[in-house]
């Protein structure tokens, strides 16, 4: 009995590469939070594999065999290894608040940008640069 490995929601991009892994599926996971996910297979792709899929489901059929289903079509893949990558950056940066810029740096850039807004200021900045 095939065991569900990953379900995608929406469009899935299928990328081929010359090195390992050779086939990568990238899209949004169906659950739990719909984050960006990449599933990479260390194998040669099936010859009729499309560039994009919609709402794909990947199942482990036992051992090194996997089945990719999308709509009414399915493809069987034999892979030595499968790598699953979740994009955690959005959740990470949501948990850690950004650090405010120091007062001195904010004042410096405010002055520089104000000077750059006029001809006289640009002339002064060019003179200071030399």
Protein backbone atom coordinates (compact mmCIF):
# COMPACT_ATOMS: atom_id res chain seq x y z
CA UNK A 1 0.00 0.00 0.00
CA UNK A 2 1.51 3.38 -1.00
CA UNK A 3 2.29 5.70 1.90
CA UNK A 4 1.66 9.46 1.33
CA UNK A 5 4.92 11.41 1.47
CA UNK A 6 3.87 14.94 0.45
CA UNK A 7 0.85 16.67 -1.03
CA UNK A 8 1.20 19.95 -2.92
CA UNK A 9 -1.49 22.62 -3.22
CA UNK A 10 -1.60 24.57 -6.47
CA UNK A 11 1.06 24.70 -9.20
CA UNK A 12 4.24 22.65 -8.83
CA UNK A 13 7.41 23.50 -10.76
CA UNK A 14 9.46 20.51 -11.99
CA UNK A 15 13.16 21.27 -12.46
CA UNK A 16 15.76 19.00 -13.98
CA UNK A 17 19.46 19.18 -13.12
CA UNK A 18 22.53 17.33 -14.33
CA UNK A 19 23.97 16.52 -10.89
CA UNK A 20 22.38 14.93 -7.86
CA UNK A 21 19.49 15.48 -7.25
CA UNK A 22 18.32 15.33 -10.81
CA UNK A 23 14.60 16.04 -10.40
CA UNK A 24 13.14 18.68 -8.04
CA UNK A 25 9.48 19.46 -7.40
CA UNK A 26 8.86 22.91 -5.88
CA UNK A 27 5.53 24.31 -4.70
CA UNK A 28 3.35 24.97 -1.66
CA UNK A 29 2.61 22.15 0.78
CA UNK A 30 -1.07 21.32 1.24
CA UNK A 31 -0.65 21.21 5.03
CA UNK A 32 -0.05 22.21 7.73
CA UNK A 33 0.72 25.89 6.94
CA UNK A 34 1.19 25.86 3.16
CA UNK A 35 4.87 26.80 3.22
CA UNK A 36 7.21 26.63 0.22
CA UNK A 37 8.55 23.10 -0.16
CA UNK A 38 11.11 21.41 -2.43
CA UNK A 39 11.19 17.65 -2.91
CA UNK A 40 14.35 16.48 -4.69
CA UNK A 41 14.85 13.00 -6.15
CA UNK A 42 18.28 11.46 -6.78
CA UNK A 43 17.27 9.78 -10.00
CA UNK A 44 16.72 10.22 -13.71
CA UNK A 45 13.27 11.57 -14.42
CA UNK A 46 10.62 9.66 -16.35
CA UNK A 47 10.79 10.58 -20.06
CA UNK A 48 7.25 12.04 -20.20
CA UNK A 49 7.50 14.15 -17.02
CA UNK A 50 5.96 17.65 -17.55
CA UNK A 51 7.44 21.09 -16.68
CA UNK A 52 4.60 21.86 -14.22
CA UNK A 53 2.05 19.89 -12.26
CA UNK A 54 -1.12 20.91 -10.40
CA UNK A 55 -2.03 19.66 -6.91
CA UNK A 56 0.53 16.85 -7.06
CA UNK A 57 0.67 14.03 -4.52
CA UNK A 58 3.89 12.07 -3.93
CA UNK A 59 3.66 8.60 -2.40
CA UNK A 60 6.30 6.14 -1.23
CA UNK A 61 5.52 2.75 -2.78
CA UNK A 62 8.13 0.94 -0.71
CA UNK A 63 11.89 0.78 -0.96
CA UNK A 64 13.24 3.17 -3.56
CA UNK A 65 10.01 3.49 -5.55
CA UNK A 66 7.82 6.60 -5.58
CA UNK A 67 4.62 7.57 -7.36
CA UNK A 68 3.77 11.15 -8.37
CA UNK A 69 0.09 11.80 -9.12
CA UNK A 70 -1.39 14.93 -10.64
CA UNK A 71 -4.95 14.95 -11.92
CA UNK A 72 -5.61 11.74 -13.85
CA UNK A 73 -1.92 11.11 -14.63
CA UNK A 74 0.76 9.38 -12.59
CA UNK A 75 4.48 8.74 -12.93
CA UNK A 76 6.62 6.09 -11.23
CA UNK A 77 10.11 7.09 -10.09
CA UNK A 78 12.90 4.88 -8.74
CA UNK A 79 15.17 7.05 -6.58
CA UNK A 80 18.17 6.22 -4.38
CA UNK A 81 17.35 9.15 -2.08
CA UNK A 82 14.69 11.81 -1.61
CA UNK A 83 15.38 15.16 0.07
CA UNK A 84 12.58 17.29 1.51
CA UNK A 85 13.29 21.00 2.14
CA UNK A 86 10.87 23.36 3.90
CA UNK A 87 11.32 27.13 3.59
CA UNK A 88 11.38 28.24 7.22
CA UNK A 89 12.68 31.80 6.73
CA UNK A 90 9.25 33.55 6.86
CA UNK A 91 8.33 31.82 10.12
CA UNK A 92 11.79 32.46 11.59
CA UNK A 93 11.70 36.19 10.84
CA UNK A 94 8.13 36.46 12.11
CA UNK A 95 9.28 35.06 15.47
CA UNK A 96 12.30 37.39 15.80
CA UNK A 97 11.45 41.10 15.64
CA UNK A 98 13.73 43.25 13.51
CA UNK A 99 16.37 45.28 15.32
CA UNK A 100 15.87 49.04 14.97
CA UNK A 101 18.71 50.95 13.31
CA UNK A 102 20.90 52.92 15.75
CA UNK A 103 20.08 56.63 16.12
CA UNK A 104 23.44 57.78 14.67
CA UNK A 105 23.02 55.71 11.51
CA UNK A 106 19.44 56.97 10.98
CA UNK A 107 20.57 60.60 11.41
CA UNK A 108 23.54 60.13 9.04
CA UNK A 109 21.40 58.69 6.22
CA UNK A 110 18.67 61.27 6.73
CA UNK A 111 21.26 64.06 6.24
CA UNK A 112 22.92 62.38 3.24
CA UNK A 113 19.57 61.81 1.51
CA UNK A 114 18.48 65.39 2.19
CA UNK A 115 21.75 66.66 0.67
CA UNK A 116 21.36 64.37 -2.34
CA UNK A 117 17.96 65.95 -3.00
CA UNK A 118 19.43 69.28 -4.13
CA UNK A 119 22.09 70.47 -6.57
CA UNK A 120 24.05 72.28 -3.88
CA UNK A 121 23.94 69.19 -1.67
CA UNK A 122 25.20 66.95 -4.51
CA UNK A 123 28.08 69.37 -5.12
CA UNK A 124 28.95 69.27 -1.40
CA UNK A 125 28.82 65.43 -1.33
CA UNK A 126 31.11 65.23 -4.39
CA UNK A 127 33.57 67.61 -2.74
CA UNK A 128 33.55 65.57 0.49
CA UNK A 129 34.12 62.35 -1.44
CA UNK A 130 37.46 63.57 -2.87
